[in-house]
Amino acid sequence: PRHEAPSRTVIGLFECPSDPEGRGL
């Protein structure tokens, strides 16, 4: 349970702005 919040944290640097499927969770 301790990892619920951090593992759901969206890190902007880990995302490509051209992702055709959308970003986030």
PDBML (XML) file of the C-alpha atoms, coordinates in Angstrom:
<?xml version="1.0" encoding="UTF-8" ?>
<PDBx:datablock datablockName="MODEL"
   xmlns:PDBx="http://pdbml.pdb.org/schema/pdbx-v50.xsd"
   xmlns:xsi="http://www.w3.org/2001/XMLSchema-instance"
   xsi:schemaLocation="http://pdbml.pdb.org/schema/pdbx-v50.xsd pdbx-v50.xsd">
   <PDBx:atom_siteCategory>
      <PDBx:atom_site id="1">
         <PDBx:B_iso_or_equiv>0.00</PDBx:B_iso_or_equiv>
         <PDBx:Cartn_x>0.000</PDBx:Cartn_x>
         <PDBx:Cartn_y>0.000</PDBx:Cartn_y>
         <PDBx:Cartn_z>0.000</PDBx:Cartn_z>
         <PDBx:auth_asym_id>A</PDBx:auth_asym_id>
         <PDBx:auth_atom_id>CA</PDBx:auth_atom_id>
         <PDBx:auth_comp_id>PRO</PDBx:auth_comp_id>
         <PDBx:auth_seq_id>1</PDBx:auth_seq_id>
         <PDBx:group_PDB>ATOM</PDBx:group_PDB>
         <PDBx:label_alt_id xsi:nil="true" />
         <PDBx:label_asym_id>A</PDBx:label_asym_id>
         <PDBx:label_atom_id>CA</PDBx:label_atom_id>
         <PDBx:label_comp_id>PRO</PDBx:label_comp_id>
         <PDBx:label_entity_id>1</PDBx:label_entity_id>
         <PDBx:label_seq_id>1</PDBx:label_seq_id>
         <PDBx:occupancy>1.00</PDBx:occupancy>
         <PDBx:pdbx_PDB_model_num>1</PDBx:pdbx_PDB_model_num>
         <PDBx:type_symbol>C</PDBx:type_symbol>
      </PDBx:atom_site>
      <PDBx:atom_site id="2">
         <PDBx:B_iso_or_equiv>0.00</PDBx:B_iso_or_equiv>
         <PDBx:Cartn_x>2.865</PDBx:Cartn_x>
         <PDBx:Cartn_y>2.403</PDBx:Cartn_y>
         <PDBx:Cartn_z>0.586</PDBx:Cartn_z>
         <PDBx:auth_asym_id>A</PDBx:auth_asym_id>
         <PDBx:auth_atom_id>CA</PDBx:auth_atom_id>
         <PDBx:auth_comp_id>ARG</PDBx:auth_comp_id>
         <PDBx:auth_seq_id>2</PDBx:auth_seq_id>
         <PDBx:group_PDB>ATOM</PDBx:group_PDB>
         <PDBx:label_alt_id xsi:nil="true" />
         <PDBx:label_asym_id>A</PDBx:label_asym_id>
         <PDBx:label_atom_id>CA</PDBx:label_atom_id>
         <PDBx:label_comp_id>ARG</PDBx:label_comp_id>
         <PDBx:label_entity_id>1</PDBx:label_entity_id>
         <PDBx:label_seq_id>2</PDBx:label_seq_id>
         <PDBx:occupancy>1.00</PDBx:occupancy>
         <PDBx:pdbx_PDB_model_num>1</PDBx:pdbx_PDB_model_num>
         <PDBx:type_symbol>C</PDBx:type_symbol>
      </PDBx:atom_site>
      <PDBx:atom_site id="3">
         <PDBx:B_iso_or_equiv>0.00</PDBx:B_iso_or_equiv>
         <PDBx:Cartn_x>3.657</PDBx:Cartn_x>
         <PDBx:Cartn_y>2.259</PDBx:Cartn_y>
         <PDBx:Cartn_z>-3.127</PDBx:Cartn_z>
         <PDBx:auth_asym_id>A</PDBx:auth_asym_id>
         <PDBx:auth_atom_id>CA</PDBx:auth_atom_id>
         <PDBx:auth_comp_id>HIS</PDBx:auth_comp_id>
         <PDBx:auth_seq_id>3</PDBx:auth_seq_id>
         <PDBx:group_PDB>ATOM</PDBx:group_PDB>
         <PDBx:label_alt_id xsi:nil="true" />
         <PDBx:label_asym_id>A</PDBx:label_asym_id>
         <PDBx:label_atom_id>CA</PDBx:label_atom_id>
         <PDBx:label_comp_id>HIS</PDBx:label_comp_id>
         <PDBx:label_entity_id>1</PDBx:label_entity_id>
         <PDBx:label_seq_id>3</PDBx:label_seq_id>
         <PDBx:occupancy>1.00</PDBx:occupancy>
         <PDBx:pdbx_PDB_model_num>1</PDBx:pdbx_PDB_model_num>
         <PDBx:type_symbol>C</PDBx:type_symbol>
      </PDBx:atom_site>
      <PDBx:atom_site id="4">
         <PDBx:B_iso_or_equiv>0.00</PDBx:B_iso_or_equiv>
         <PDBx:Cartn_x>0.162</PDBx:Cartn_x>
         <PDBx:Cartn_y>3.092</PDBx:Cartn_y>
         <PDBx:Cartn_z>-4.349</PDBx:Cartn_z>
         <PDBx:auth_asym_id>A</PDBx:auth_asym_id>
         <PDBx:auth_atom_id>CA</PDBx:auth_atom_id>
         <PDBx:auth_comp_id>GLU</PDBx:auth_comp_id>
         <PDBx:auth_seq_id>4</PDBx:auth_seq_id>
         <PDBx:group_PDB>ATOM</PDBx:group_PDB>
         <PDBx:label_alt_id xsi:nil="true" />
         <PDBx:label_asym_id>A</PDBx:label_asym_id>
         <PDBx:label_atom_id>CA</PDBx:label_atom_id>
         <PDBx:label_comp_id>GLU</PDBx:label_comp_id>
         <PDBx:label_entity_id>1</PDBx:label_entity_id>
         <PDBx:label_seq_id>4</PDBx:label_seq_id>
         <PDBx:occupancy>1.00</PDBx:occupancy>
         <PDBx:pdbx_PDB_model_num>1</PDBx:pdbx_PDB_model_num>
         <PDBx:type_symbol>C</PDBx:type_symbol>
      </PDBx:atom_site>
      <PDBx:atom_site id="5">
         <PDBx:B_iso_or_equiv>0.00</PDBx:B_iso_or_equiv>
         <PDBx:Cartn_x>0.777</PDBx:Cartn_x>
         <PDBx:Cartn_y>6.858</PDBx:Cartn_y>
         <PDBx:Cartn_z>-4.505</PDBx:Cartn_z>
         <PDBx:auth_asym_id>A</PDBx:auth_asym_id>
         <PDBx:auth_atom_id>CA</PDBx:auth_atom_id>
         <PDBx:auth_comp_id>ALA</PDBx:auth_comp_id>
         <PDBx:auth_seq_id>5</PDBx:auth_seq_id>
         <PDBx:group_PDB>ATOM</PDBx:group_PDB>
         <PDBx:label_alt_id xsi:nil="true" />
         <PDBx:label_asym_id>A</PDBx:label_asym_id>
         <PDBx:label_atom_id>CA</PDBx:label_atom_id>
         <PDBx:label_comp_id>ALA</PDBx:label_comp_id>
         <PDBx:label_entity_id>1</PDBx:label_entity_id>
         <PDBx:label_seq_id>5</PDBx:label_seq_id>
         <PDBx:occupancy>1.00</PDBx:occupancy>
         <PDBx:pdbx_PDB_model_num>1</PDBx:pdbx_PDB_model_num>
         <PDBx:type_symbol>C</PDBx:type_symbol>
      </PDBx:atom_site>
      <PDBx:atom_site id="6">
         <PDBx:B_iso_or_equiv>0.00</PDBx:B_iso_or_equiv>
         <PDBx:Cartn_x>4.323</PDBx:Cartn_x>
         <PDBx:Cartn_y>6.949</PDBx:Cartn_y>
         <PDBx:Cartn_z>-5.913</PDBx:Cartn_z>
         <PDBx:auth_asym_id>A</PDBx:auth_asym_id>
         <PDBx:auth_atom_id>CA</PDBx:auth_atom_id>
         <PDBx:auth_comp_id>PRO</PDBx:auth_comp_id>
         <PDBx:auth_seq_id>6</PDBx:auth_seq_id>
         <PDBx:group_PDB>ATOM</PDBx:group_PDB>
         <PDBx:label_alt_id xsi:nil="true" />
         <PDBx:label_asym_id>A</PDBx:label_asym_id>
         <PDBx:label_atom_id>CA</PDBx:label_atom_id>
         <PDBx:label_comp_id>PRO</PDBx:label_comp_id>
         <PDBx:label_entity_id>1</PDBx:label_entity_id>
         <PDBx:label_seq_id>6</PDBx:label_seq_id>
         <PDBx:occupancy>1.00</PDBx:occupancy>
         <PDBx:pdbx_PDB_model_num>1</PDBx:pdbx_PDB_model_num>
         <PDBx:type_symbol>C</PDBx:type_symbol>
      </PDBx:atom_site>
      <PDBx:atom_site id="7">
         <PDBx:B_iso_or_equiv>0.00</PDBx:B_iso_or_equiv>
         <PDBx:Cartn_x>3.636</PDBx:Cartn_x>
         <PDBx:Cartn_y>4.302</PDBx:Cartn_y>
         <PDBx:Cartn_z>-8.561</PDBx:Cartn_z>
         <PDBx:auth_asym_id>A</PDBx:auth_asym_id>
         <PDBx:auth_atom_id>CA</PDBx:auth_atom_id>
         <PDBx:auth_comp_id>SER</PDBx:auth_comp_id>
         <PDBx:auth_seq_id>7</PDBx:auth_seq_id>
         <PDBx:group_PDB>ATOM</PDBx:group_PDB>
         <PDBx:label_alt_id xsi:nil="true" />
         <PDBx:label_asym_id>A</PDBx:label_asym_id>
         <PDBx:label_atom_id>CA</PDBx:label_atom_id>
         <PDBx:label_comp_id>SER</PDBx:label_comp_id>
         <PDBx:label_entity_id>1</PDBx:label_entity_id>
         <PDBx:label_seq_id>7</PDBx:label_seq_id>
         <PDBx:occupancy>1.00</PDBx:occupancy>
         <PDBx:pdbx_PDB_model_num>1</PDBx:pdbx_PDB_model_num>
         <PDBx:type_symbol>C</PDBx:type_symbol>
      </PDBx:atom_site>
      <PDBx:atom_site id="8">
         <PDBx:B_iso_or_equiv>0.00</PDBx:B_iso_or_equiv>
         <PDBx:Cartn_x>0.698</PDBx:Cartn_x>
         <PDBx:Cartn_y>6.366</PDBx:Cartn_y>
         <PDBx:Cartn_z>-9.803</PDBx:Cartn_z>
         <PDBx:auth_asym_id>A</PDBx:auth_asym_id>
         <PDBx:auth_atom_id>CA</PDBx:auth_atom_id>
         <PDBx:auth_comp_id>ARG</PDBx:auth_comp_id>
         <PDBx:auth_seq_id>8</PDBx:auth_seq_id>
         <PDBx:group_PDB>ATOM</PDBx:group_PDB>
         <PDBx:label_alt_id xsi:nil="true" />
         <PDBx:label_asym_id>A</PDBx:label_asym_id>
         <PDBx:label_atom_id>CA</PDBx:label_atom_id>
         <PDBx:label_comp_id>ARG</PDBx:label_comp_id>
         <PDBx:label_entity_id>1</PDBx:label_entity_id>
         <PDBx:label_seq_id>8</PDBx:label_seq_id>
         <PDBx:occupancy>1.00</PDBx:occupancy>
         <PDBx:pdbx_PDB_model_num>1</PDBx:pdbx_PDB_model_num>
         <PDBx:type_symbol>C</PDBx:type_symbol>
      </PDBx:atom_site>
      <PDBx:atom_site id="9">
         <PDBx:B_iso_or_equiv>0.00</PDBx:B_iso_or_equiv>
         <PDBx:Cartn_x>2.740</PDBx:Cartn_x>
         <PDBx:Cartn_y>9.564</PDBx:Cartn_y>
         <PDBx:Cartn_z>-9.983</PDBx:Cartn_z>
         <PDBx:auth_asym_id>A</PDBx:auth_asym_id>
         <PDBx:auth_atom_id>CA</PDBx:auth_atom_id>
         <PDBx:auth_comp_id>THR</PDBx:auth_comp_id>
         <PDBx:auth_seq_id>9</PDBx:auth_seq_id>
         <PDBx:group_PDB>ATOM</PDBx:group_PDB>
         <PDBx:label_alt_id xsi:nil="true" />
         <PDBx:label_asym_id>A</PDBx:label_asym_id>
         <PDBx:label_atom_id>CA</PDBx:label_atom_id>
         <PDBx:label_comp_id>THR</PDBx:label_comp_id>
         <PDBx:label_entity_id>1</PDBx:label_entity_id>
         <PDBx:label_seq_id>9</PDBx:label_seq_id>
         <PDBx:occupancy>1.00</PDBx:occupancy>
         <PDBx:pdbx_PDB_model_num>1</PDBx:pdbx_PDB_model_num>
         <PDBx:type_symbol>C</PDBx:type_symbol>
      </PDBx:atom_site>
      <PDBx:atom_site id="10">
         <PDBx:B_iso_or_equiv>0.00</PDBx:B_iso_or_equiv>
         <PDBx:Cartn_x>3.053</PDBx:Cartn_x>
         <PDBx:Cartn_y>10.790</PDBx:Cartn_y>
         <PDBx:Cartn_z>-13.553</PDBx:Cartn_z>
         <PDBx:auth_asym_id>A</PDBx:auth_asym_id>
         <PDBx:auth_atom_id>CA</PDBx:auth_atom_id>
         <PDBx:auth_comp_id>VAL</PDBx:auth_comp_id>
         <PDBx:auth_seq_id>10</PDBx:auth_seq_id>
         <PDBx:group_PDB>ATOM</PDBx:group_PDB>
         <PDBx:label_alt_id xsi:nil="true" />
         <PDBx:label_asym_id>A</PDBx:label_asym_id>
         <PDBx:label_atom_id>CA</PDBx:label_atom_id>
         <PDBx:label_comp_id>VAL</PDBx:label_comp_id>
         <PDBx:label_entity_id>1</PDBx:label_entity_id>
         <PDBx:label_seq_id>10</PDBx:label_seq_id>
         <PDBx:occupancy>1.00</PDBx:occupancy>
         <PDBx:pdbx_PDB_model_num>1</PDBx:pdbx_PDB_model_num>
         <PDBx:type_symbol>C</PDBx:type_symbol>
      </PDBx:atom_site>
      <PDBx:atom_site id="11">
         <PDBx:B_iso_or_equiv>0.00</PDBx:B_iso_or_equiv>
         <PDBx:Cartn_x>6.607</PDBx:Cartn_x>
         <PDBx:Cartn_y>11.971</PDBx:Cartn_y>
         <PDBx:Cartn_z>-14.247</PDBx:Cartn_z>
         <PDBx:auth_asym_id>A</PDBx:auth_asym_id>
         <PDBx:auth_atom_id>CA</PDBx:auth_atom_id>
         <PDBx:auth_comp_id>ILE</PDBx:auth_comp_id>
         <PDBx:auth_seq_id>11</PDBx:auth_seq_id>
         <PDBx:group_PDB>ATOM</PDBx:group_PDB>
         <PDBx:label_alt_id xsi:nil="true" />
         <PDBx:label_asym_id>A</PDBx:label_asym_id>
         <PDBx:label_atom_id>CA</PDBx:label_atom_id>
         <PDBx:label_comp_id>ILE</PDBx:label_comp_id>
         <PDBx:label_entity_id>1</PDBx:label_entity_id>
         <PDBx:label_seq_id>11</PDBx:label_seq_id>
         <PDBx:occupancy>1.00</PDBx:occupancy>
         <PDBx:pdbx_PDB_model_num>1</PDBx:pdbx_PDB_model_num>
         <PDBx:type_symbol>C</PDBx:type_symbol>
      </PDBx:atom_site>
      <PDBx:atom_site id="12">
         <PDBx:B_iso_or_equiv>0.00</PDBx:B_iso_or_equiv>
         <PDBx:Cartn_x>6.701</PDBx:Cartn_x>
         <PDBx:Cartn_y>14.532</PDBx:Cartn_y>
         <PDBx:Cartn_z>-17.046</PDBx:Cartn_z>
         <PDBx:auth_asym_id>A</PDBx:auth_asym_id>
         <PDBx:auth_atom_id>CA</PDBx:auth_atom_id>
         <PDBx:auth_comp_id>GLY</PDBx:auth_comp_id>
         <PDBx:auth_seq_id>12</PDBx:auth_seq_id>
         <PDBx:group_PDB>ATOM</PDBx:group_PDB>
         <PDBx:label_alt_id xsi:nil="true" />
         <PDBx:label_asym_id>A</PDBx:label_asym_id>
         <PDBx:label_atom_id>CA</PDBx:label_atom_id>
         <PDBx:label_comp_id>GLY</PDBx:label_comp_id>
         <PDBx:label_entity_id>1</PDBx:label_entity_id>
         <PDBx:label_seq_id>12</PDBx:label_seq_id>
         <PDBx:occupancy>1.00</PDBx:occupancy>
         <PDBx:pdbx_PDB_model_num>1</PDBx:pdbx_PDB_model_num>
         <PDBx:type_symbol>C</PDBx:type_symbol>
      </PDBx:atom_site>
      <PDBx:atom_site id="13">
         <PDBx:B_iso_or_equiv>0.00</PDBx:B_iso_or_equiv>
         <PDBx:Cartn_x>10.229</PDBx:Cartn_x>
         <PDBx:Cartn_y>13.591</PDBx:Cartn_y>
         <PDBx:Cartn_z>-18.079</PDBx:Cartn_z>
         <PDBx:auth_asym_id>A</PDBx:auth_asym_id>
         <PDBx:auth_atom_id>CA</PDBx:auth_atom_id>
         <PDBx:auth_comp_id>LEU</PDBx:auth_comp_id>
         <PDBx:auth_seq_id>13</PDBx:auth_seq_id>
         <PDBx:group_PDB>ATOM</PDBx:group_PDB>
         <PDBx:label_alt_id xsi:nil="true" />
         <PDBx:label_asym_id>A</PDBx:label_asym_id>
         <PDBx:label_atom_id>CA</PDBx:label_atom_id>
         <PDBx:label_comp_id>LEU</PDBx:label_comp_id>
         <PDBx:label_entity_id>1</PDBx:label_entity_id>
         <PDBx:label_seq_id>13</PDBx:label_seq_id>
         <PDBx:occupancy>1.00</PDBx:occupancy>
         <PDBx:pdbx_PDB_model_num>1</PDBx:pdbx_PDB_model_num>
         <PDBx:type_symbol>C</PDBx:type_symbol>
      </PDBx:atom_site>
      <PDBx:atom_site id="14">
         <PDBx:B_iso_or_equiv>0.00</PDBx:B_iso_or_equiv>
         <PDBx:Cartn_x>9.061</PDBx:Cartn_x>
         <PDBx:Cartn_y>9.996</PDBx:Cartn_y>
         <PDBx:Cartn_z>-18.688</PDBx:Cartn_z>
         <PDBx:auth_asym_id>A</PDBx:auth_asym_id>
         <PDBx:auth_atom_id>CA</PDBx:auth_atom_id>
         <PDBx:auth_comp_id>PHE</PDBx:auth_comp_id>
         <PDBx:auth_seq_id>14</PDBx:auth_seq_id>
         <PDBx:group_PDB>ATOM</PDBx:group_PDB>
         <PDBx:label_alt_id xsi:nil="true" />
         <PDBx:label_asym_id>A</PDBx:label_asym_id>
         <PDBx:label_atom_id>CA</PDBx:label_atom_id>
         <PDBx:label_comp_id>PHE</PDBx:label_comp_id>
         <PDBx:label_entity_id>1</PDBx:label_entity_id>
         <PDBx:label_seq_id>14</PDBx:label_seq_id>
         <PDBx:occupancy>1.00</PDBx:occupancy>
         <PDBx:pdbx_PDB_model_num>1</PDBx:pdbx_PDB_model_num>
         <PDBx:type_symbol>C</PDBx:type_symbol>
      </PDBx:atom_site>
      <PDBx:atom_site id="15">
         <PDBx:B_iso_or_equiv>0.00</PDBx:B_iso_or_equiv>
         <PDBx:Cartn_x>6.451</PDBx:Cartn_x>
         <PDBx:Cartn_y>11.122</PDBx:Cartn_y>
         <PDBx:Cartn_z>-21.247</PDBx:Cartn_z>
         <PDBx:auth_asym_id>A</PDBx:auth_asym_id>
         <PDBx:auth_atom_id>CA</PDBx:auth_atom_id>
         <PDBx:auth_comp_id>GLU</PDBx:auth_comp_id>
         <PDBx:auth_seq_id>15</PDBx:auth_seq_id>
         <PDBx:group_PDB>ATOM</PDBx:group_PDB>
         <PDBx:label_alt_id xsi:nil="true" />
         <PDBx:label_asym_id>A</PDBx:label_asym_id>
         <PDBx:label_atom_id>CA</PDBx:label_atom_id>
         <PDBx:label_comp_id>GLU</PDBx:label_comp_id>
         <PDBx:label_entity_id>1</PDBx:label_entity_id>
         <PDBx:label_seq_id>15</PDBx:label_seq_id>
         <PDBx:occupancy>1.00</PDBx:occupancy>
         <PDBx:pdbx_PDB_model_num>1</PDBx:pdbx_PDB_model_num>
         <PDBx:type_symbol>C</PDBx:type_symbol>
      </PDBx:atom_site>
      <PDBx:atom_site id="16">
         <PDBx:B_iso_or_equiv>0.00</PDBx:B_iso_or_equiv>
         <PDBx:Cartn_x>6.719</PDBx:Cartn_x>
         <PDBx:Cartn_y>11.800</PDBx:Cartn_y>
         <PDBx:Cartn_z>-24.983</PDBx:Cartn_z>
         <PDBx:auth_asym_id>A</PDBx:auth_asym_id>
         <PDBx:auth_atom_id>CA</PDBx:auth_atom_id>
         <PDBx:auth_comp_id>CYS</PDBx:auth_comp_id>
         <PDBx:auth_seq_id>16</PDBx:auth_seq_id>
         <PDBx:group_PDB>ATOM</PDBx:group_PDB>
         <PDBx:label_alt_id xsi:nil="true" />
         <PDBx:label_asym_id>A</PDBx:label_asym_id>
         <PDBx:label_atom_id>CA</PDBx:label_atom_id>
         <PDBx:label_comp_id>CYS</PDBx:label_comp_id>
         <PDBx:label_entity_id>1</PDBx:label_entity_id>
         <PDBx:label_seq_id>16</PDBx:label_seq_id>
         <PDBx:occupancy>1.00</PDBx:occupancy>
         <PDBx:pdbx_PDB_model_num>1</PDBx:pdbx_PDB_model_num>
         <PDBx:type_symbol>C</PDBx:type_symbol>
      </PDBx:atom_site>
      <PDBx:atom_site id="17">
         <PDBx:B_iso_or_equiv>0.00</PDBx:B_iso_or_equiv>
         <PDBx:Cartn_x>4.560</PDBx:Cartn_x>
         <PDBx:Cartn_y>14.719</PDBx:Cartn_y>
         <PDBx:Cartn_z>-26.203</PDBx:Cartn_z>
         <PDBx:auth_asym_id>A</PDBx:auth_asym_id>
         <PDBx:auth_atom_id>CA</PDBx:auth_atom_id>
         <PDBx:auth_comp_id>PRO</PDBx:auth_comp_id>
         <PDBx:auth_seq_id>17</PDBx:auth_seq_id>
         <PDBx:group_PDB>ATOM</PDBx:group_PDB>
         <PDBx:label_alt_id xsi:nil="true" />
         <PDBx:label_asym_id>A</PDBx:label_asym_id>
         <PDBx:label_atom_id>CA</PDBx:label_atom_id>
         <PDBx:label_comp_id>PRO</PDBx:label_comp_id>
         <PDBx:label_entity_id>1</PDBx:label_entity_id>
         <PDBx:label_seq_id>17</PDBx:label_seq_id>
         <PDBx:occupancy>1.00</PDBx:occupancy>
         <PDBx:pdbx_PDB_model_num>1</PDBx:pdbx_PDB_model_num>
         <PDBx:type_symbol>C</PDBx:type_symbol>
      </PDBx:atom_site>
      <PDBx:atom_site id="18">
         <PDBx:B_iso_or_equiv>0.00</PDBx:B_iso_or_equiv>
         <PDBx:Cartn_x>3.798</PDBx:Cartn_x>
         <PDBx:Cartn_y>12.822</PDBx:Cartn_y>
         <PDBx:Cartn_z>-29.426</PDBx:Cartn_z>
         <PDBx:auth_asym_id>A</PDBx:auth_asym_id>
         <PDBx:auth_atom_id>CA</PDBx:auth_atom_id>
         <PDBx:auth_comp_id>SER</PDBx:auth_comp_id>
         <PDBx:auth_seq_id>18</PDBx:auth_seq_id>
         <PDBx:group_PDB>ATOM</PDBx:group_PDB>
         <PDBx:label_alt_id xsi:nil="true" />
         <PDBx:label_asym_id>A</PDBx:label_asym_id>
         <PDBx:label_atom_id>CA</PDBx:label_atom_id>
         <PDBx:label_comp_id>SER</PDBx:label_comp_id>
         <PDBx:label_entity_id>1</PDBx:label_entity_id>
         <PDBx:label_seq_id>18</PDBx:label_seq_id>
         <PDBx:occupancy>1.00</PDBx:occupancy>
         <PDBx:pdbx_PDB_model_num>1</PDBx:pdbx_PDB_model_num>
         <PDBx:type_symbol>C</PDBx:type_symbol>
      </PDBx:atom_site>
      <PDBx:atom_site id="19">
         <PDBx:B_iso_or_equiv>0.00</PDBx:B_iso_or_equiv>
         <PDBx:Cartn_x>2.283</PDBx:Cartn_x>
         <PDBx:Cartn_y>9.766</PDBx:Cartn_y>
         <PDBx:Cartn_z>-27.743</PDBx:Cartn_z>
         <PDBx:auth_asym_id>A</PDBx:auth_asym_id>
         <PDBx:auth_atom_id>CA</PDBx:auth_atom_id>
         <PDBx:auth_comp_id>ASP</PDBx:auth_comp_id>
         <PDBx:auth_seq_id>19</PDBx:auth_seq_id>
         <PDBx:group_PDB>ATOM</PDBx:group_PDB>
         <PDBx:label_alt_id xsi:nil="true" />
         <PDBx:label_asym_id>A</PDBx:label_asym_id>
         <PDBx:label_atom_id>CA</PDBx:label_atom_id>
         <PDBx:label_comp_id>ASP</PDBx:label_comp_id>
         <PDBx:label_entity_id>1</PDBx:label_entity_id>
         <PDBx:label_seq_id>19</PDBx:label_seq_id>
         <PDBx:occupancy>1.00</PDBx:occupancy>
         <PDBx:pdbx_PDB_model_num>1</PDBx:pdbx_PDB_model_num>
         <PDBx:type_symbol>C</PDBx:type_symbol>
      </PDBx:atom_site>
      <PDBx:atom_site id="20">
         <PDBx:B_iso_or_equiv>0.00</PDBx:B_iso_or_equiv>
         <PDBx:Cartn_x>-0.734</PDBx:Cartn_x>
         <PDBx:Cartn_y>8.900</PDBx:Cartn_y>
         <PDBx:Cartn_z>-29.953</PDBx:Cartn_z>
         <PDBx:auth_asym_id>A</PDBx:auth_asym_id>
         <PDBx:auth_atom_id>CA</PDBx:auth_atom_id>
         <PDBx:auth_comp_id>PRO</PDBx:auth_comp_id>
         <PDBx:auth_seq_id>20</PDBx:auth_seq_id>
         <PDBx:group_PDB>ATOM</PDBx:group_PDB>
         <PDBx:label_alt_id xsi:nil="true" />
         <PDBx:label_asym_id>A</PDBx:label_asym_id>
         <PDBx:label_atom_id>CA</PDBx:label_atom_id>
         <PDBx:label_comp_id>PRO</PDBx:label_comp_id>
         <PDBx:label_entity_id>1</PDBx:label_entity_id>
         <PDBx:label_seq_id>20</PDBx:label_seq_id>
         <PDBx:occupancy>1.00</PDBx:occupancy>
         <PDBx:pdbx_PDB_model_num>1</PDBx:pdbx_PDB_model_num>
         <PDBx:type_symbol>C</PDBx:type_symbol>
      </PDBx:atom_site>
      <PDBx:atom_site id="21">
         <PDBx:B_iso_or_equiv>0.00</PDBx:B_iso_or_equiv>
         <PDBx:Cartn_x>-2.506</PDBx:Cartn_x>
         <PDBx:Cartn_y>7.086</PDBx:Cartn_y>
         <PDBx:Cartn_z>-27.121</PDBx:Cartn_z>
         <PDBx:auth_asym_id>A</PDBx:auth_asym_id>
         <PDBx:auth_atom_id>CA</PDBx:auth_atom_id>
         <PDBx:auth_comp_id>GLU</PDBx:auth_comp_id>
         <PDBx:auth_seq_id>21</PDBx:auth_seq_id>
         <PDBx:group_PDB>ATOM</PDBx:group_PDB>
         <PDBx:label_alt_id xsi:nil="true" />
         <PDBx:label_asym_id>A</PDBx:label_asym_id>
         <PDBx:label_atom_id>CA</PDBx:label_atom_id>
         <PDBx:label_comp_id>GLU</PDBx:label_comp_id>
         <PDBx:label_entity_id>1</PDBx:label_entity_id>
         <PDBx:label_seq_id>21</PDBx:label_seq_id>
         <PDBx:occupancy>1.00</PDBx:occupancy>
         <PDBx:pdbx_PDB_model_num>1</PDBx:pdbx_PDB_model_num>
         <PDBx:type_symbol>C</PDBx:type_symbol>
      </PDBx:atom_site>
      <PDBx:atom_site id="22">
         <PDBx:B_iso_or_equiv>0.00</PDBx:B_iso_or_equiv>
         <PDBx:Cartn_x>-2.379</PDBx:Cartn_x>
         <PDBx:Cartn_y>9.938</PDBx:Cartn_y>
         <PDBx:Cartn_z>-24.629</PDBx:Cartn_z>
         <PDBx:auth_asym_id>A</PDBx:auth_asym_id>
         <PDBx:auth_atom_id>CA</PDBx:auth_atom_id>
         <PDBx:auth_comp_id>GLY</PDBx:auth_comp_id>
         <PDBx:auth_seq_id>22</PDBx:auth_seq_id>
         <PDBx:group_PDB>ATOM</PDBx:group_PDB>
         <PDBx:label_alt_id xsi:nil="true" />
         <PDBx:label_asym_id>A</PDBx:label_asym_id>
         <PDBx:label_atom_id>CA</PDBx:label_atom_id>
         <PDBx:label_comp_id>GLY</PDBx:label_comp_id>
         <PDBx:label_entity_id>1</PDBx:label_entity_id>
         <PDBx:label_seq_id>22</PDBx:label_seq_id>
         <PDBx:occupancy>1.00</PDBx:occupancy>
         <PDBx:pdbx_PDB_model_num>1</PDBx:pdbx_PDB_model_num>
         <PDBx:type_symbol>C</PDBx:type_symbol>
      </PDBx:atom_site>
      <PDBx:atom_site id="23">
         <PDBx:B_iso_or_equiv>0.00</PDBx:B_iso_or_equiv>
         <PDBx:Cartn_x>-0.271</PDBx:Cartn_x>
         <PDBx:Cartn_y>10.157</PDBx:Cartn_y>
         <PDBx:Cartn_z>-21.516</PDBx:Cartn_z>
         <PDBx:auth_asym_id>A</PDBx:auth_asym_id>
         <PDBx:auth_atom_id>CA</PDBx:auth_atom_id>
         <PDBx:auth_comp_id>ARG</PDBx:auth_comp_id>
         <PDBx:auth_seq_id>23</PDBx:auth_seq_id>
         <PDBx:group_PDB>ATOM</PDBx:group_PDB>
         <PDBx:label_alt_id xsi:nil="true" />
         <PDBx:label_asym_id>A</PDBx:label_asym_id>
         <PDBx:label_atom_id>CA</PDBx:label_atom_id>
         <PDBx:label_comp_id>ARG</PDBx:label_comp_id>
         <PDBx:label_entity_id>1</PDBx:label_entity_id>
         <PDBx:label_seq_id>23</PDBx:label_seq_id>
         <PDBx:occupancy>1.00</PDBx:occupancy>
         <PDBx:pdbx_PDB_model_num>1</PDBx:pdbx_PDB_model_num>
         <PDBx:type_symbol>C</PDBx:type_symbol>
      </PDBx:atom_site>
      <PDBx:atom_site id="24">
         <PDBx:B_iso_or_equiv>0.00</PDBx:B_iso_or_equiv>
         <PDBx:Cartn_x>-0.760</PDBx:Cartn_x>
         <PDBx:Cartn_y>9.696</PDBx:Cartn_y>
         <PDBx:Cartn_z>-17.799</PDBx:Cartn_z>
         <PDBx:auth_asym_id>A</PDBx:auth_asym_id>
         <PDBx:auth_atom_id>CA</PDBx:auth_atom_id>
         <PDBx:auth_comp_id>GLY</PDBx:auth_comp_id>
         <PDBx:auth_seq_id>24</PDBx:auth_seq_id>
         <PDBx:group_PDB>ATOM</PDBx:group_PDB>
         <PDBx:label_alt_id xsi:nil="true" />
         <PDBx:label_asym_id>A</PDBx:label_asym_id>
         <PDBx:label_atom_id>CA</PDBx:label_atom_id>
         <PDBx:label_comp_id>GLY</PDBx:label_comp_id>
         <PDBx:label_entity_id>1</PDBx:label_entity_id>
         <PDBx:label_seq_id>24</PDBx:label_seq_id>
         <PDBx:occupancy>1.00</PDBx:occupancy>
         <PDBx:pdbx_PDB_model_num>1</PDBx:pdbx_PDB_model_num>
         <PDBx:type_symbol>C</PDBx:type_symbol>
      </PDBx:atom_site>
      <PDBx:atom_site id="25">
         <PDBx:B_iso_or_equiv>0.00</PDBx:B_iso_or_equiv>
         <PDBx:Cartn_x>-1.854</PDBx:Cartn_x>
         <PDBx:Cartn_y>6.535</PDBx:Cartn_y>
         <PDBx:Cartn_z>-16.018</PDBx:Cartn_z>
         <PDBx:auth_asym_id>A</PDBx:auth_asym_id>
         <PDBx:auth_atom_id>CA</PDBx:auth_atom_id>
         <PDBx:auth_comp_id>LEU</PDBx:auth_comp_id>
         <PDBx:auth_seq_id>25</PDBx:auth_seq_id>
         <PDBx:group_PDB>ATOM</PDBx:group_PDB>
         <PDBx:label_alt_id xsi:nil="true" />
         <PDBx:label_asym_id>A</PDBx:label_asym_id>
         <PDBx:label_atom_id>CA</PDBx:label_atom_id>
         <PDBx:label_comp_id>LEU</PDBx:label_comp_id>
         <PDBx:label_entity_id>1</PDBx:label_entity_id>
         <PDBx:label_seq_id>25</PDBx:label_seq_id>
         <PDBx:occupancy>1.00</PDBx:occupancy>
         <PDBx:pdbx_PDB_model_num>1</PDBx:pdbx_PDB_model_num>
         <PDBx:type_symbol>C</PDBx:type_symbol>
      </PDBx:atom_site>
   </PDBx:atom_siteCategory>
</PDBx:datablock>
